[in-house]
Amino acid sequence: MNKELGEIRRGEIWRVGSMTSRSQEAGHVLVISSDSLGSLAFRTVVPVIHCVHQNEQVPWKIRIEPDESKGLKSASMIDARRIGALPIRCFIDRIGAVSREELEDVAEAVAIVIECW
């Protein structure tokens, strides 16, 4: 489960484990921290959540369509309100990456949440 500090990059989607010993897998996250901070033992992330009937149009939720490059099997949502940091030890494996445009949309959503506009 342990990854090298430089292996986890901005824009990648990772399967992550829980920080507690009670649960082995917590889900998927999108890494949004800068690659220039690669020596830190944590990464800033937002959760990638499977959406069944998500038609809600709010600026902090970004819909991500599945494709091979992302490693997602169904439509998903990124909820920028749930931004957080995870230690490197929680990262299990890389499943894919979002496009540059999708990453920019997520960054804008995070900026709205933290009032950077």
N, C-alpha and C. Protein backbone atom coordinates (compact mmCIF):
# COMPACT_ATOMS: atom_id res chain seq x y z
N MET A 1 0.81 -1.19 0.00
CA MET A 1 0.00 0.00 0.00
C MET A 1 0.86 1.26 0.00
N ASN A 2 2.06 1.20 0.49
CA ASN A 2 2.90 2.39 0.55
C ASN A 2 3.41 2.76 -0.83
N LYS A 3 3.34 4.03 -1.15
CA LYS A 3 3.79 4.55 -2.42
C LYS A 3 4.93 5.52 -2.17
N GLU A 4 5.78 5.68 -3.17
CA GLU A 4 6.83 6.68 -3.09
C GLU A 4 6.18 8.06 -3.17
N LEU A 5 6.79 9.03 -2.51
CA LEU A 5 6.20 10.37 -2.44
C LEU A 5 5.96 10.98 -3.82
N GLY A 6 6.85 10.78 -4.77
CA GLY A 6 6.72 11.40 -6.08
C GLY A 6 5.81 10.68 -7.04
N GLU A 7 5.31 9.52 -6.68
CA GLU A 7 4.50 8.71 -7.60
C GLU A 7 3.07 9.21 -7.76
N ILE A 8 2.57 9.96 -6.83
CA ILE A 8 1.17 10.36 -6.82
C ILE A 8 1.08 11.78 -7.37
N ARG A 9 0.43 11.93 -8.52
CA ARG A 9 0.44 13.20 -9.26
C ARG A 9 -0.93 13.88 -9.32
N ARG A 10 -0.88 15.19 -9.49
CA ARG A 10 -2.08 16.01 -9.67
C ARG A 10 -2.86 15.50 -10.89
N GLY A 11 -4.18 15.38 -10.72
CA GLY A 11 -5.05 14.97 -11.83
C GLY A 11 -5.29 13.47 -11.89
N GLU A 12 -4.59 12.70 -11.04
CA GLU A 12 -4.78 11.26 -11.06
C GLU A 12 -5.91 10.83 -10.12
N ILE A 13 -6.58 9.76 -10.53
CA ILE A 13 -7.62 9.14 -9.69
C ILE A 13 -7.01 7.90 -9.07
N TRP A 14 -7.15 7.81 -7.74
CA TRP A 14 -6.56 6.70 -6.99
C TRP A 14 -7.61 5.98 -6.16
N ARG A 15 -7.43 4.69 -6.03
CA ARG A 15 -8.18 3.91 -5.05
C ARG A 15 -7.43 4.08 -3.74
N VAL A 16 -8.15 4.43 -2.69
CA VAL A 16 -7.50 4.69 -1.41
C VAL A 16 -8.09 3.82 -0.32
N GLY A 17 -7.29 3.58 0.68
CA GLY A 17 -7.73 2.84 1.85
C GLY A 17 -8.09 3.80 2.97
N SER A 18 -8.73 3.27 3.96
CA SER A 18 -9.14 4.05 5.11
C SER A 18 -7.94 4.33 6.01
N MET A 19 -8.03 5.41 6.77
CA MET A 19 -6.97 5.71 7.73
C MET A 19 -7.15 4.92 9.02
N THR A 20 -8.27 4.22 9.16
CA THR A 20 -8.50 3.39 10.35
C THR A 20 -8.31 1.93 9.99
N SER A 21 -8.06 1.12 10.96
CA SER A 21 -7.85 -0.31 10.70
C SER A 21 -9.17 -1.06 10.53
N ARG A 22 -10.30 -0.42 10.83
CA ARG A 22 -11.60 -1.09 10.73
C ARG A 22 -12.04 -1.30 9.30
N SER A 23 -11.66 -0.43 8.40
CA SER A 23 -12.09 -0.51 7.01
C SER A 23 -10.86 -0.50 6.12
N GLN A 24 -10.82 -1.41 5.16
CA GLN A 24 -9.66 -1.48 4.29
C GLN A 24 -9.73 -0.52 3.11
N GLU A 25 -10.92 -0.30 2.55
CA GLU A 25 -11.03 0.56 1.38
C GLU A 25 -12.04 1.67 1.62
N ALA A 26 -11.63 2.89 1.35
CA ALA A 26 -12.49 4.05 1.55
C ALA A 26 -13.13 4.52 0.24
N GLY A 27 -12.51 4.25 -0.90
CA GLY A 27 -13.09 4.66 -2.17
C GLY A 27 -12.06 5.23 -3.12
N HIS A 28 -12.51 6.17 -3.97
CA HIS A 28 -11.65 6.79 -4.97
C HIS A 28 -11.52 8.28 -4.69
N VAL A 29 -10.35 8.82 -5.01
CA VAL A 29 -10.11 10.26 -4.87
C VAL A 29 -9.39 10.78 -6.10
N LEU A 30 -9.56 12.09 -6.33
CA LEU A 30 -8.81 12.80 -7.35
C LEU A 30 -7.77 13.64 -6.62
N VAL A 31 -6.52 13.51 -7.02
CA VAL A 31 -5.44 14.29 -6.41
C VAL A 31 -5.44 15.68 -7.03
N ILE A 32 -5.50 16.72 -6.16
CA ILE A 32 -5.51 18.09 -6.67
C ILE A 32 -4.33 18.92 -6.17
N SER A 33 -3.50 18.36 -5.29
CA SER A 33 -2.35 19.11 -4.80
C SER A 33 -1.31 19.27 -5.90
N SER A 34 -0.52 20.30 -5.79
CA SER A 34 0.51 20.60 -6.77
C SER A 34 1.62 19.55 -6.74
N ASP A 35 2.10 19.18 -7.91
CA ASP A 35 3.22 18.24 -7.99
C ASP A 35 4.49 18.82 -7.39
N SER A 36 4.57 20.15 -7.30
CA SER A 36 5.76 20.77 -6.71
C SER A 36 5.86 20.53 -5.20
N LEU A 37 4.77 20.04 -4.60
CA LEU A 37 4.77 19.71 -3.18
C LEU A 37 4.98 18.22 -2.96
N GLY A 38 5.57 17.55 -3.92
CA GLY A 38 5.72 16.11 -3.92
C GLY A 38 6.48 15.52 -2.75
N SER A 39 7.28 16.31 -2.05
CA SER A 39 8.05 15.77 -0.93
C SER A 39 7.22 15.65 0.35
N LEU A 40 6.02 16.21 0.35
CA LEU A 40 5.15 16.11 1.52
C LEU A 40 4.54 14.72 1.61
N ALA A 41 4.29 14.25 2.81
CA ALA A 41 3.76 12.90 3.02
C ALA A 41 2.24 12.84 2.92
N PHE A 42 1.61 13.94 2.51
CA PHE A 42 0.15 14.00 2.33
C PHE A 42 -0.14 14.52 0.94
N ARG A 43 -1.34 14.21 0.42
CA ARG A 43 -1.83 14.79 -0.82
C ARG A 43 -3.21 15.37 -0.59
N THR A 44 -3.47 16.53 -1.21
CA THR A 44 -4.78 17.14 -1.15
C THR A 44 -5.65 16.47 -2.19
N VAL A 45 -6.86 16.06 -1.76
CA VAL A 45 -7.74 15.26 -2.62
C VAL A 45 -9.19 15.71 -2.50
N VAL A 46 -9.98 15.31 -3.48
CA VAL A 46 -11.44 15.41 -3.42
C VAL A 46 -11.98 14.03 -3.77
N PRO A 47 -13.10 13.63 -3.14
CA PRO A 47 -13.63 12.30 -3.41
C PRO A 47 -14.28 12.21 -4.80
N VAL A 48 -14.16 11.04 -5.39
CA VAL A 48 -14.84 10.70 -6.65
C VAL A 48 -15.96 9.75 -6.26
N ILE A 49 -17.19 10.19 -6.43
CA ILE A 49 -18.35 9.47 -5.92
C ILE A 49 -19.20 8.96 -7.08
N HIS A 50 -19.52 7.67 -7.05
CA HIS A 50 -20.42 7.09 -8.05
C HIS A 50 -21.77 7.79 -7.96
N CYS A 51 -22.29 8.26 -9.09
CA CYS A 51 -23.60 8.92 -9.04
C CYS A 51 -24.61 8.11 -9.84
N VAL A 52 -25.72 7.83 -9.20
CA VAL A 52 -26.77 7.06 -9.85
C VAL A 52 -27.70 7.98 -10.62
N HIS A 53 -28.31 8.92 -9.93
CA HIS A 53 -29.24 9.86 -10.56
C HIS A 53 -28.88 11.28 -10.17
N GLN A 54 -27.69 11.69 -10.48
CA GLN A 54 -27.23 13.01 -10.06
C GLN A 54 -27.50 14.03 -11.15
N ASN A 55 -28.59 14.76 -11.03
CA ASN A 55 -28.92 15.81 -11.99
C ASN A 55 -28.73 17.19 -11.39
N GLU A 56 -28.33 17.23 -10.14
CA GLU A 56 -28.15 18.48 -9.43
C GLU A 56 -27.06 19.33 -10.09
N GLN A 57 -27.39 20.56 -10.40
CA GLN A 57 -26.45 21.48 -11.02
C GLN A 57 -26.02 22.52 -9.99
N VAL A 58 -24.94 22.23 -9.29
CA VAL A 58 -24.39 23.16 -8.31
C VAL A 58 -22.91 23.36 -8.64
N PRO A 59 -22.37 24.54 -8.38
CA PRO A 59 -21.00 24.83 -8.83
C PRO A 59 -19.90 24.04 -8.15
N TRP A 60 -20.17 23.39 -7.03
CA TRP A 60 -19.12 22.65 -6.32
C TRP A 60 -19.11 21.16 -6.67
N LYS A 61 -20.03 20.72 -7.52
CA LYS A 61 -20.04 19.33 -7.97
C LYS A 61 -19.74 19.27 -9.46
N ILE A 62 -18.75 18.46 -9.80
CA ILE A 62 -18.32 18.31 -11.19
C ILE A 62 -18.61 16.88 -11.62
N ARG A 63 -19.37 16.73 -12.69
CA ARG A 63 -19.69 15.39 -13.21
C ARG A 63 -18.53 14.92 -14.09
N ILE A 64 -18.12 13.68 -13.87
CA ILE A 64 -17.04 13.08 -14.63
C ILE A 64 -17.60 11.86 -15.35
N GLU A 65 -17.50 11.86 -16.67
CA GLU A 65 -17.99 10.73 -17.46
C GLU A 65 -16.94 9.62 -17.51
N PRO A 66 -17.39 8.38 -17.52
CA PRO A 66 -16.44 7.27 -17.54
C PRO A 66 -15.75 7.13 -18.90
N ASP A 67 -14.50 6.73 -18.86
CA ASP A 67 -13.77 6.31 -20.05
C ASP A 67 -12.52 5.57 -19.60
N GLU A 68 -11.82 4.98 -20.56
CA GLU A 68 -10.65 4.16 -20.23
C GLU A 68 -9.56 4.94 -19.51
N SER A 69 -9.33 6.18 -19.91
CA SER A 69 -8.23 6.95 -19.32
C SER A 69 -8.48 7.28 -17.85
N LYS A 70 -9.75 7.34 -17.46
CA LYS A 70 -10.08 7.64 -16.06
C LYS A 70 -10.16 6.40 -15.19
N GLY A 71 -10.39 5.26 -15.81
CA GLY A 71 -10.52 4.02 -15.06
C GLY A 71 -11.85 3.90 -14.35
N LEU A 72 -12.82 4.72 -14.73
CA LEU A 72 -14.14 4.69 -14.10
C LEU A 72 -15.10 3.89 -14.97
N LYS A 73 -15.97 3.13 -14.33
CA LYS A 73 -16.93 2.30 -15.06
C LYS A 73 -18.29 2.96 -15.19
N SER A 74 -18.53 4.01 -14.41
CA SER A 74 -19.81 4.70 -14.46
C SER A 74 -19.60 6.18 -14.21
N ALA A 75 -20.63 6.96 -14.52
CA ALA A 75 -20.56 8.40 -14.28
C ALA A 75 -20.31 8.65 -12.79
N SER A 76 -19.52 9.66 -12.51
CA SER A 76 -19.15 9.97 -11.13
C SER A 76 -19.24 11.47 -10.91
N MET A 77 -19.24 11.85 -9.63
CA MET A 77 -19.24 13.26 -9.25
C MET A 77 -18.04 13.53 -8.37
N ILE A 78 -17.49 14.71 -8.53
CA ILE A 78 -16.45 15.19 -7.62
C ILE A 78 -17.09 16.31 -6.83
N ASP A 79 -17.08 16.16 -5.51
CA ASP A 79 -17.70 17.13 -4.61
C ASP A 79 -16.61 17.96 -3.96
N ALA A 80 -16.43 19.19 -4.46
CA ALA A 80 -15.35 20.05 -3.99
C ALA A 80 -15.54 20.49 -2.54
N ARG A 81 -16.74 20.37 -1.99
CA ARG A 81 -16.95 20.72 -0.58
C ARG A 81 -16.23 19.75 0.34
N ARG A 82 -15.90 18.57 -0.16
CA ARG A 82 -15.30 17.53 0.67
C ARG A 82 -13.80 17.43 0.47
N ILE A 83 -13.16 18.56 0.15
CA ILE A 83 -11.71 18.60 -0.02
C ILE A 83 -11.04 18.16 1.28
N GLY A 84 -9.94 17.43 1.15
CA GLY A 84 -9.23 16.97 2.34
C GLY A 84 -7.81 16.57 1.99
N ALA A 85 -7.12 16.04 2.97
CA ALA A 85 -5.74 15.57 2.77
C ALA A 85 -5.64 14.14 3.27
N LEU A 86 -4.92 13.33 2.52
CA LEU A 86 -4.70 11.94 2.90
C LEU A 86 -3.20 11.65 2.96
N PRO A 87 -2.79 10.87 3.94
CA PRO A 87 -1.38 10.45 3.97
C PRO A 87 -1.09 9.47 2.84
N ILE A 88 0.14 9.49 2.37
CA ILE A 88 0.56 8.63 1.27
C ILE A 88 0.24 7.16 1.55
N ARG A 89 0.32 6.75 2.81
CA ARG A 89 0.10 5.33 3.14
C ARG A 89 -1.32 4.85 2.81
N CYS A 90 -2.27 5.77 2.61
CA CYS A 90 -3.65 5.39 2.29
C CYS A 90 -3.86 5.11 0.81
N PHE A 91 -2.91 5.51 -0.04
CA PHE A 91 -3.07 5.33 -1.49
C PHE A 91 -2.74 3.89 -1.87
N ILE A 92 -3.69 3.23 -2.54
CA ILE A 92 -3.52 1.81 -2.89
C ILE A 92 -3.01 1.67 -4.32
N ASP A 93 -3.80 2.16 -5.29
CA ASP A 93 -3.33 2.10 -6.68
C ASP A 93 -4.02 3.15 -7.53
N ARG A 94 -3.28 3.53 -8.59
CA ARG A 94 -3.76 4.54 -9.53
C ARG A 94 -4.71 3.84 -10.49
N ILE A 95 -5.90 4.44 -10.68
CA ILE A 95 -6.84 3.82 -11.63
C ILE A 95 -6.97 4.62 -12.91
N GLY A 96 -6.55 5.89 -12.92
CA GLY A 96 -6.65 6.70 -14.12
C GLY A 96 -6.33 8.15 -13.85
N ALA A 97 -6.76 9.02 -14.77
CA ALA A 97 -6.52 10.45 -14.63
C ALA A 97 -7.60 11.21 -15.39
N VAL A 98 -7.90 12.41 -14.91
CA VAL A 98 -8.87 13.28 -15.60
C VAL A 98 -8.13 14.12 -16.63
N SER A 99 -8.88 14.72 -17.53
CA SER A 99 -8.30 15.60 -18.54
C SER A 99 -7.90 16.93 -17.88
N ARG A 100 -7.09 17.68 -18.59
CA ARG A 100 -6.67 19.00 -18.10
C ARG A 100 -7.91 19.89 -17.88
N GLU A 101 -8.87 19.83 -18.80
CA GLU A 101 -10.08 20.65 -18.69
C GLU A 101 -10.89 20.26 -17.45
N GLU A 102 -11.02 18.96 -17.22
CA GLU A 102 -11.77 18.50 -16.04
C GLU A 102 -11.06 18.93 -14.75
N LEU A 103 -9.73 18.85 -14.74
CA LEU A 103 -8.98 19.28 -13.57
C LEU A 103 -9.16 20.77 -13.32
N GLU A 104 -9.20 21.57 -14.39
CA GLU A 104 -9.45 23.01 -14.25
C GLU A 104 -10.85 23.27 -13.70
N ASP A 105 -11.84 22.49 -14.14
CA ASP A 105 -13.20 22.63 -13.61
C ASP A 105 -13.23 22.32 -12.11
N VAL A 106 -12.51 21.29 -11.70
CA VAL A 106 -12.45 20.94 -10.27
C VAL A 106 -11.75 22.05 -9.49
N ALA A 107 -10.67 22.59 -10.02
CA ALA A 107 -9.95 23.68 -9.34
C ALA A 107 -10.86 24.90 -9.17
N GLU A 108 -11.67 25.20 -10.19
CA GLU A 108 -12.62 26.31 -10.08
C GLU A 108 -13.67 26.04 -9.03
N ALA A 109 -14.14 24.80 -8.95
CA ALA A 109 -15.14 24.42 -7.94
C ALA A 109 -14.56 24.56 -6.53
N VAL A 110 -13.31 24.14 -6.35
CA VAL A 110 -12.65 24.30 -5.04
C VAL A 110 -12.51 25.78 -4.71
N ALA A 111 -12.14 26.59 -5.69
CA ALA A 111 -12.00 28.02 -5.46
C ALA A 111 -13.33 28.65 -5.03
N ILE A 112 -14.43 28.19 -5.58
CA ILE A 112 -15.75 28.68 -5.17
C ILE A 112 -16.02 28.31 -3.72
N VAL A 113 -15.72 27.07 -3.36
CA VAL A 113 -15.96 26.60 -2.00
C VAL A 113 -15.16 27.38 -0.97
N ILE A 114 -13.90 27.69 -1.29
CA ILE A 114 -13.07 28.40 -0.32
C ILE A 114 -13.04 29.91 -0.56
N GLU A 115 -13.92 30.38 -1.43
CA GLU A 115 -14.11 31.81 -1.73
C GLU A 115 -12.83 32.51 -2.20
N CYS A 116 -12.22 31.94 -3.21
CA CYS A 116 -11.01 32.55 -3.78
C CYS A 116 -11.34 33.48 -4.95
N TRP A 117 -12.59 33.59 -5.30
CA TRP A 117 -12.95 34.44 -6.44
C TRP A 117 -13.08 35.86 -6.01
